[in-house]
Amino acid sequence: MYISLEVLRRSNALKLYLCFTVLTSEHYDNLNMATHTDSDIPEPDNTALIQMCQRAPLIAGSSFGNRIVRLSDTLVAKYGMGVWREEARNQEYAYAHVDKSILYVPRVFRYFDDISQGSRVGYLVMEYVPGTPLDSVDADSDAMMAVTRAVKHLSRIPAPKSHVPGPVGQGASRGYL
């Protein structure tokens, strides 16, 4: 059993939730075999990506908070007023430093802010990771052991050298666990 991680901020509660996804062996093997090239990175400008996000099917979130939408077979976007550059940097750092046989973190392809509607909205375009949300599977001992192992592994990722507490690359700390 393999675990993927996405950190979601629920708009109705000011706290972060770790959203684990159970990956089957087939999904895990496909992720390991996939090679991402520049052709996987969306070519549209930010305005076109915003329009794509507004039309794309909702995977998670709500119309009043952060949303995760599927842009293609290989890409999703997380966007909303609670999505920040620091989240993208942290996810990039985790992607580069986790043991993917224990915990799979989606690869970040692009981050940008948009203020065209009067408020700042962050857009995080990342790899789509297929799987089943943990809250949709039976909480058997194998699943719980996989989550425990993933959280333990995540807690052991070293901080960047010469880094102070807070997000990777500096910035404001947001949310809590």
C-alpha atoms as a PDB file:
ATOM      1  CA  MET A   1       0.000   0.000   0.000  1.00  0.00           C
ATOM      2  CA  TYR A   2       1.378   3.403  -0.997  1.00  0.00           C
ATOM      3  CA  ILE A   3       0.340   6.803   0.283  1.00  0.00           C
ATOM      4  CA  SER A   4       0.145  10.180  -1.442  1.00  0.00           C
ATOM      5  CA  LEU A   5      -0.195  13.431   0.444  1.00  0.00           C
ATOM      6  CA  GLU A   6      -1.979  16.679  -0.255  1.00  0.00           C
ATOM      7  CA  VAL A   7      -2.385  19.403   2.326  1.00  0.00           C
ATOM      8  CA  LEU A   8      -5.815  21.006   2.154  1.00  0.00           C
ATOM      9  CA  ARG A   9      -7.051  24.002   4.057  1.00  0.00           C
ATOM     10  CA  ARG A  10     -10.708  23.657   4.890  1.00  0.00           C
ATOM     11  CA  SER A  11     -12.456  27.009   4.566  1.00  0.00           C
ATOM     12  CA  ASN A  12     -14.950  26.283   7.356  1.00  0.00           C
ATOM     13  CA  ALA A  13     -12.195  25.610   9.885  1.00  0.00           C
ATOM     14  CA  LEU A  14      -8.942  27.468  10.175  1.00  0.00           C
ATOM     15  CA  LYS A  15      -6.745  24.413  10.265  1.00  0.00           C
ATOM     16  CA  LEU A  16      -4.842  22.273   7.825  1.00  0.00           C
ATOM     17  CA  TYR A  17      -5.783  18.695   7.126  1.00  0.00           C
ATOM     18  CA  LEU A  18      -3.437  16.101   5.736  1.00  0.00           C
ATOM     19  CA  CYS A  19      -5.348  14.429   2.935  1.00  0.00           C
ATOM     20  CA  PHE A  20      -3.878  11.010   2.274  1.00  0.00           C
ATOM     21  CA  THR A  21      -4.657   9.032  -0.838  1.00  0.00           C
ATOM     22  CA  VAL A  22      -4.256   5.274  -1.040  1.00  0.00           C
ATOM     23  CA  LEU A  23      -2.427   4.298  -4.215  1.00  0.00           C
ATOM     24  CA  THR A  24      -2.723   0.816  -5.606  1.00  0.00           C
ATOM     25  CA  SER A  25       0.437  -0.948  -6.738  1.00  0.00           C
ATOM     26  CA  GLU A  26      -0.615  -0.271 -10.339  1.00  0.00           C
ATOM     27  CA  HIS A  27      -0.982   3.489  -9.703  1.00  0.00           C
ATOM     28  CA  TYR A  28       2.366   3.575  -7.897  1.00  0.00           C
ATOM     29  CA  ASP A  29       4.135   1.694 -10.703  1.00  0.00           C
ATOM     30  CA  ASN A  30       2.618   4.046 -13.295  1.00  0.00           C
ATOM     31  CA  LEU A  31       3.816   7.092 -11.347  1.00  0.00           C
ATOM     32  CA  ASN A  32       7.326   5.688 -11.080  1.00  0.00           C
ATOM     33  CA  MET A  33       7.436   4.822 -14.780  1.00  0.00           C
ATOM     34  CA  ALA A  34       6.062   8.187 -15.905  1.00  0.00           C
ATOM     35  CA  THR A  35       8.605  10.690 -17.053  1.00  0.00           C
ATOM     36  CA  HIS A  36       7.585  14.300 -17.035  1.00  0.00           C
ATOM     37  CA  THR A  37       8.918  16.497 -19.770  1.00  0.00           C
ATOM     38  CA  ASP A  38       8.356  20.087 -20.687  1.00  0.00           C
ATOM     39  CA  SER A  39       5.401  18.920 -22.797  1.00  0.00           C
ATOM     40  CA  ASP A  40       3.577  18.104 -19.530  1.00  0.00           C
ATOM     41  CA  ILE A  41       3.819  21.712 -18.380  1.00  0.00           C
ATOM     42  CA  PRO A  42       0.812  23.741 -19.478  1.00  0.00           C
ATOM     43  CA  GLU A  43       1.656  26.136 -22.279  1.00  0.00           C
ATOM     44  CA  PRO A  44      -1.237  28.582 -21.794  1.00  0.00           C
ATOM     45  CA  ASP A  45      -0.602  31.931 -20.184  1.00  0.00           C
ATOM     46  CA  ASN A  46      -1.971  32.592 -16.712  1.00  0.00           C
ATOM     47  CA  THR A  47      -5.217  34.099 -18.029  1.00  0.00           C
ATOM     48  CA  ALA A  48      -5.946  30.975 -20.081  1.00  0.00           C
ATOM     49  CA  LEU A  49      -5.110  28.748 -17.089  1.00  0.00           C
ATOM     50  CA  ILE A  50      -7.531  30.730 -14.912  1.00  0.00           C
ATOM     51  CA  GLN A  51     -10.268  30.198 -17.502  1.00  0.00           C
ATOM     52  CA  MET A  52      -9.436  26.472 -17.667  1.00  0.00           C
ATOM     53  CA  CYS A  53      -9.701  26.245 -13.864  1.00  0.00           C
ATOM     54  CA  GLN A  54     -13.111  27.914 -13.883  1.00  0.00           C
ATOM     55  CA  ARG A  55     -14.444  25.353 -16.397  1.00  0.00           C
ATOM     56  CA  ALA A  56     -12.660  22.229 -15.097  1.00  0.00           C
ATOM     57  CA  PRO A  57     -14.413  19.538 -13.030  1.00  0.00           C
ATOM     58  CA  LEU A  58     -14.112  19.960  -9.269  1.00  0.00           C
ATOM     59  CA  ILE A  59     -12.194  17.180  -7.486  1.00  0.00           C
ATOM     60  CA  ALA A  60     -12.167  18.667  -3.979  1.00  0.00           C
ATOM     61  CA  GLY A  61     -13.041  21.852  -2.157  1.00  0.00           C
ATOM     62  CA  SER A  62     -16.034  24.130  -2.471  1.00  0.00           C
ATOM     63  CA  SER A  63     -17.132  27.192  -4.375  1.00  0.00           C
ATOM     64  CA  PHE A  64     -16.465  29.293  -1.252  1.00  0.00           C
ATOM     65  CA  GLY A  65     -12.937  28.101  -0.466  1.00  0.00           C
ATOM     66  CA  ASN A  66      -9.927  26.570  -2.125  1.00  0.00           C
ATOM     67  CA  ARG A  67     -10.728  24.287  -5.035  1.00  0.00           C
ATOM     68  CA  ILE A  68      -8.884  21.440  -6.711  1.00  0.00           C
ATOM     69  CA  VAL A  69      -9.860  20.896 -10.337  1.00  0.00           C
ATOM     70  CA  ARG A  70      -8.682  18.420 -12.930  1.00  0.00           C
ATOM     71  CA  LEU A  71      -7.166  20.124 -15.970  1.00  0.00           C
ATOM     72  CA  SER A  72      -6.144  16.986 -17.889  1.00  0.00           C
ATOM     73  CA  ASP A  73      -5.259  13.329 -17.413  1.00  0.00           C
ATOM     74  CA  THR A  74      -1.957  14.377 -15.819  1.00  0.00           C
ATOM     75  CA  LEU A  75      -2.607  17.812 -14.292  1.00  0.00           C
ATOM     76  CA  VAL A  76      -4.681  19.372 -11.528  1.00  0.00           C
ATOM     77  CA  ALA A  77      -4.828  22.905 -10.202  1.00  0.00           C
ATOM     78  CA  LYS A  78      -5.440  23.985  -6.643  1.00  0.00           C
ATOM     79  CA  TYR A  79      -6.594  27.565  -6.418  1.00  0.00           C
ATOM     80  CA  GLY A  80      -8.173  30.002  -4.022  1.00  0.00           C
ATOM     81  CA  MET A  81      -7.463  32.814  -1.601  1.00  0.00           C
ATOM     82  CA  GLY A  82      -5.855  30.300   0.784  1.00  0.00           C
ATOM     83  CA  VAL A  83      -3.305  28.997  -1.751  1.00  0.00           C
ATOM     84  CA  TRP A  84       0.093  30.654  -1.377  1.00  0.00           C
ATOM     85  CA  ARG A  85       3.550  30.572  -2.967  1.00  0.00           C
ATOM     86  CA  GLU A  86       4.933  29.171   0.310  1.00  0.00           C
ATOM     87  CA  GLU A  87       2.735  26.084  -0.138  1.00  0.00           C
ATOM     88  CA  ALA A  88       4.152  25.549  -3.631  1.00  0.00           C
ATOM     89  CA  ARG A  89       7.732  25.912  -2.350  1.00  0.00           C
ATOM     90  CA  ASN A  90       7.094  23.510   0.524  1.00  0.00           C
ATOM     91  CA  GLN A  91       5.534  20.978  -1.848  1.00  0.00           C
ATOM     92  CA  GLU A  92       8.475  21.287  -4.272  1.00  0.00           C
ATOM     93  CA  TYR A  93      10.885  20.707  -1.391  1.00  0.00           C
ATOM     94  CA  ALA A  94       8.934  17.688  -0.146  1.00  0.00           C
ATOM     95  CA  TYR A  95       8.724  16.262  -3.685  1.00  0.00           C
ATOM     96  CA  ALA A  96      12.511  16.473  -3.970  1.00  0.00           C
ATOM     97  CA  HIS A  97      13.248  14.975  -0.541  1.00  0.00           C
ATOM     98  CA  VAL A  98      10.716  12.240   0.231  1.00  0.00           C
ATOM     99  CA  ASP A  99      11.259   8.554  -0.384  1.00  0.00           C
ATOM    100  CA  LYS A 100       8.595   7.985  -3.031  1.00  0.00           C
ATOM    101  CA  SER A 101       8.222   4.349  -1.977  1.00  0.00           C
ATOM    102  CA  ILE A 102       6.868   5.614   1.372  1.00  0.00           C
ATOM    103  CA  LEU A 103       5.108   8.870   0.489  1.00  0.00           C
ATOM    104  CA  TYR A 104       4.304  10.333  -2.907  1.00  0.00           C
ATOM    105  CA  VAL A 105       4.039  14.126  -3.151  1.00  0.00           C
ATOM    106  CA  PRO A 106       2.675  15.547  -6.437  1.00  0.00           C
ATOM    107  CA  ARG A 107       5.191  17.450  -8.565  1.00  0.00           C
ATOM    108  CA  VAL A 108       4.579  21.208  -8.848  1.00  0.00           C
ATOM    109  CA  PHE A 109       4.617  22.584 -12.395  1.00  0.00           C
ATOM    110  CA  ARG A 110       3.617  26.198 -11.890  1.00  0.00           C
ATOM    111  CA  TYR A 111       2.505  28.695  -9.267  1.00  0.00           C
ATOM    112  CA  PHE A 112       1.161  32.198  -9.841  1.00  0.00           C
ATOM    113  CA  ASP A 113      -1.008  34.832  -8.170  1.00  0.00           C
ATOM    114  CA  ASP A 114      -3.895  36.626  -9.853  1.00  0.00           C
ATOM    115  CA  ILE A 115      -5.414  39.901  -8.653  1.00  0.00           C
ATOM    116  CA  SER A 116      -7.596  40.660 -11.689  1.00  0.00           C
ATOM    117  CA  GLN A 117     -10.845  40.201  -9.713  1.00  0.00           C
ATOM    118  CA  GLY A 118      -9.798  42.561  -6.910  1.00  0.00           C
ATOM    119  CA  SER A 119      -8.538  39.914  -4.451  1.00  0.00           C
ATOM    120  CA  ARG A 120      -5.401  37.806  -4.558  1.00  0.00           C
ATOM    121  CA  VAL A 121      -6.020  34.218  -5.669  1.00  0.00           C
ATOM    122  CA  GLY A 122      -3.169  31.702  -5.744  1.00  0.00           C
ATOM    123  CA  TYR A 123      -2.963  29.036  -8.467  1.00  0.00           C
ATOM    124  CA  LEU A 124      -0.880  25.895  -7.960  1.00  0.00           C
ATOM    125  CA  VAL A 125      -0.667  23.612 -11.017  1.00  0.00           C
ATOM    126  CA  MET A 126       0.609  20.152 -10.160  1.00  0.00           C
ATOM    127  CA  GLU A 127       0.726  16.524 -11.156  1.00  0.00           C
ATOM    128  CA  TYR A 128      -2.516  14.566 -10.888  1.00  0.00           C
ATOM    129  CA  VAL A 129      -2.085  11.529  -8.638  1.00  0.00           C
ATOM    130  CA  PRO A 130      -4.786   8.870  -9.075  1.00  0.00           C
ATOM    131  CA  GLY A 131      -5.987   7.020  -6.026  1.00  0.00           C
ATOM    132  CA  THR A 132      -8.728   6.686  -3.448  1.00  0.00           C
ATOM    133  CA  PRO A 133      -9.067   9.251  -0.641  1.00  0.00           C
ATOM    134  CA  LEU A 134      -8.242   7.643   2.667  1.00  0.00           C
ATOM    135  CA  ASP A 135     -11.603   8.651   4.117  1.00  0.00           C
ATOM    136  CA  SER A 136     -13.243   6.470   1.432  1.00  0.00           C
ATOM    137  CA  VAL A 137     -11.463   3.221   2.367  1.00  0.00           C
ATOM    138  CA  ASP A 138     -11.821   0.944   5.361  1.00  0.00           C
ATOM    139  CA  ALA A 139      -9.498   2.015   8.146  1.00  0.00           C
ATOM    140  CA  ASP A 140      -7.813  -1.358   8.447  1.00  0.00           C
ATOM    141  CA  SER A 141      -4.473  -1.894  10.138  1.00  0.00           C
ATOM    142  CA  ASP A 142      -2.552  -1.902   6.821  1.00  0.00           C
ATOM    143  CA  ALA A 143      -3.934   1.519   5.882  1.00  0.00           C
ATOM    144  CA  MET A 144      -3.219   2.943   9.329  1.00  0.00           C
ATOM    145  CA  MET A 145       0.322   1.544   9.313  1.00  0.00           C
ATOM    146  CA  ALA A 146       0.936   3.107   5.882  1.00  0.00           C
ATOM    147  CA  VAL A 147      -0.305   6.499   7.126  1.00  0.00           C
ATOM    148  CA  THR A 148       1.801   6.193  10.290  1.00  0.00           C
ATOM    149  CA  ARG A 149       4.863   5.340   8.227  1.00  0.00           C
ATOM    150  CA  ALA A 150       4.196   8.268   5.850  1.00  0.00           C
ATOM    151  CA  VAL A 151       3.769  10.803   8.680  1.00  0.00           C
ATOM    152  CA  LYS A 152       6.888   9.503  10.423  1.00  0.00           C
ATOM    153  CA  HIS A 153       8.852   9.784   7.171  1.00  0.00           C
ATOM    154  CA  LEU A 154       7.525  13.292   6.544  1.00  0.00           C
ATOM    155  CA  SER A 155       8.648  14.378  10.012  1.00  0.00           C
ATOM    156  CA  ARG A 156      12.197  13.223   9.238  1.00  0.00           C
ATOM    157  CA  ILE A 157      12.732  15.321   6.119  1.00  0.00           C
ATOM    158  CA  PRO A 158      15.623  17.647   6.962  1.00  0.00           C
ATOM    159  CA  ALA A 159      15.085  21.392   6.829  1.00  0.00           C
ATOM    160  CA  PRO A 160      17.086  23.250   4.196  1.00  0.00           C
ATOM    161  CA  LYS A 161      20.545  24.320   5.368  1.00  0.00           C
ATOM    162  CA  SER A 162      20.695  27.798   6.913  1.00  0.00           C
ATOM    163  CA  HIS A 163      16.931  27.808   7.274  1.00  0.00           C
ATOM    164  CA  VAL A 164      14.915  29.381  10.060  1.00  0.00           C
ATOM    165  CA  PRO A 165      11.530  28.032  11.181  1.00  0.00           C
ATOM    166  CA  GLY A 166       8.794  28.659   8.628  1.00  0.00           C
ATOM    167  CA  PRO A 167       8.163  27.891   4.970  1.00  0.00           C
ATOM    168  CA  VAL A 168      10.912  26.858   2.575  1.00  0.00           C
ATOM    169  CA  GLY A 169      12.381  29.995   1.007  1.00  0.00           C
ATOM    170  CA  GLN A 170      11.044  32.257   3.785  1.00  0.00           C
ATOM    171  CA  GLY A 171       7.618  33.883   3.800  1.00  0.00           C
ATOM    172  CA  ALA A 172       4.712  33.866   6.208  1.00  0.00           C
ATOM    173  CA  SER A 173       3.707  30.740   8.092  1.00  0.00           C
ATOM    174  CA  ARG A 174       0.035  29.981   7.564  1.00  0.00           C
ATOM    175  CA  GLY A 175      -2.292  27.431   9.114  1.00  0.00           C
ATOM    176  CA  TYR A 176      -1.412  24.836  11.703  1.00  0.00           C
ATOM    177  CA  LEU A 177      -1.539  21.082  12.193  1.00  0.00           C
END
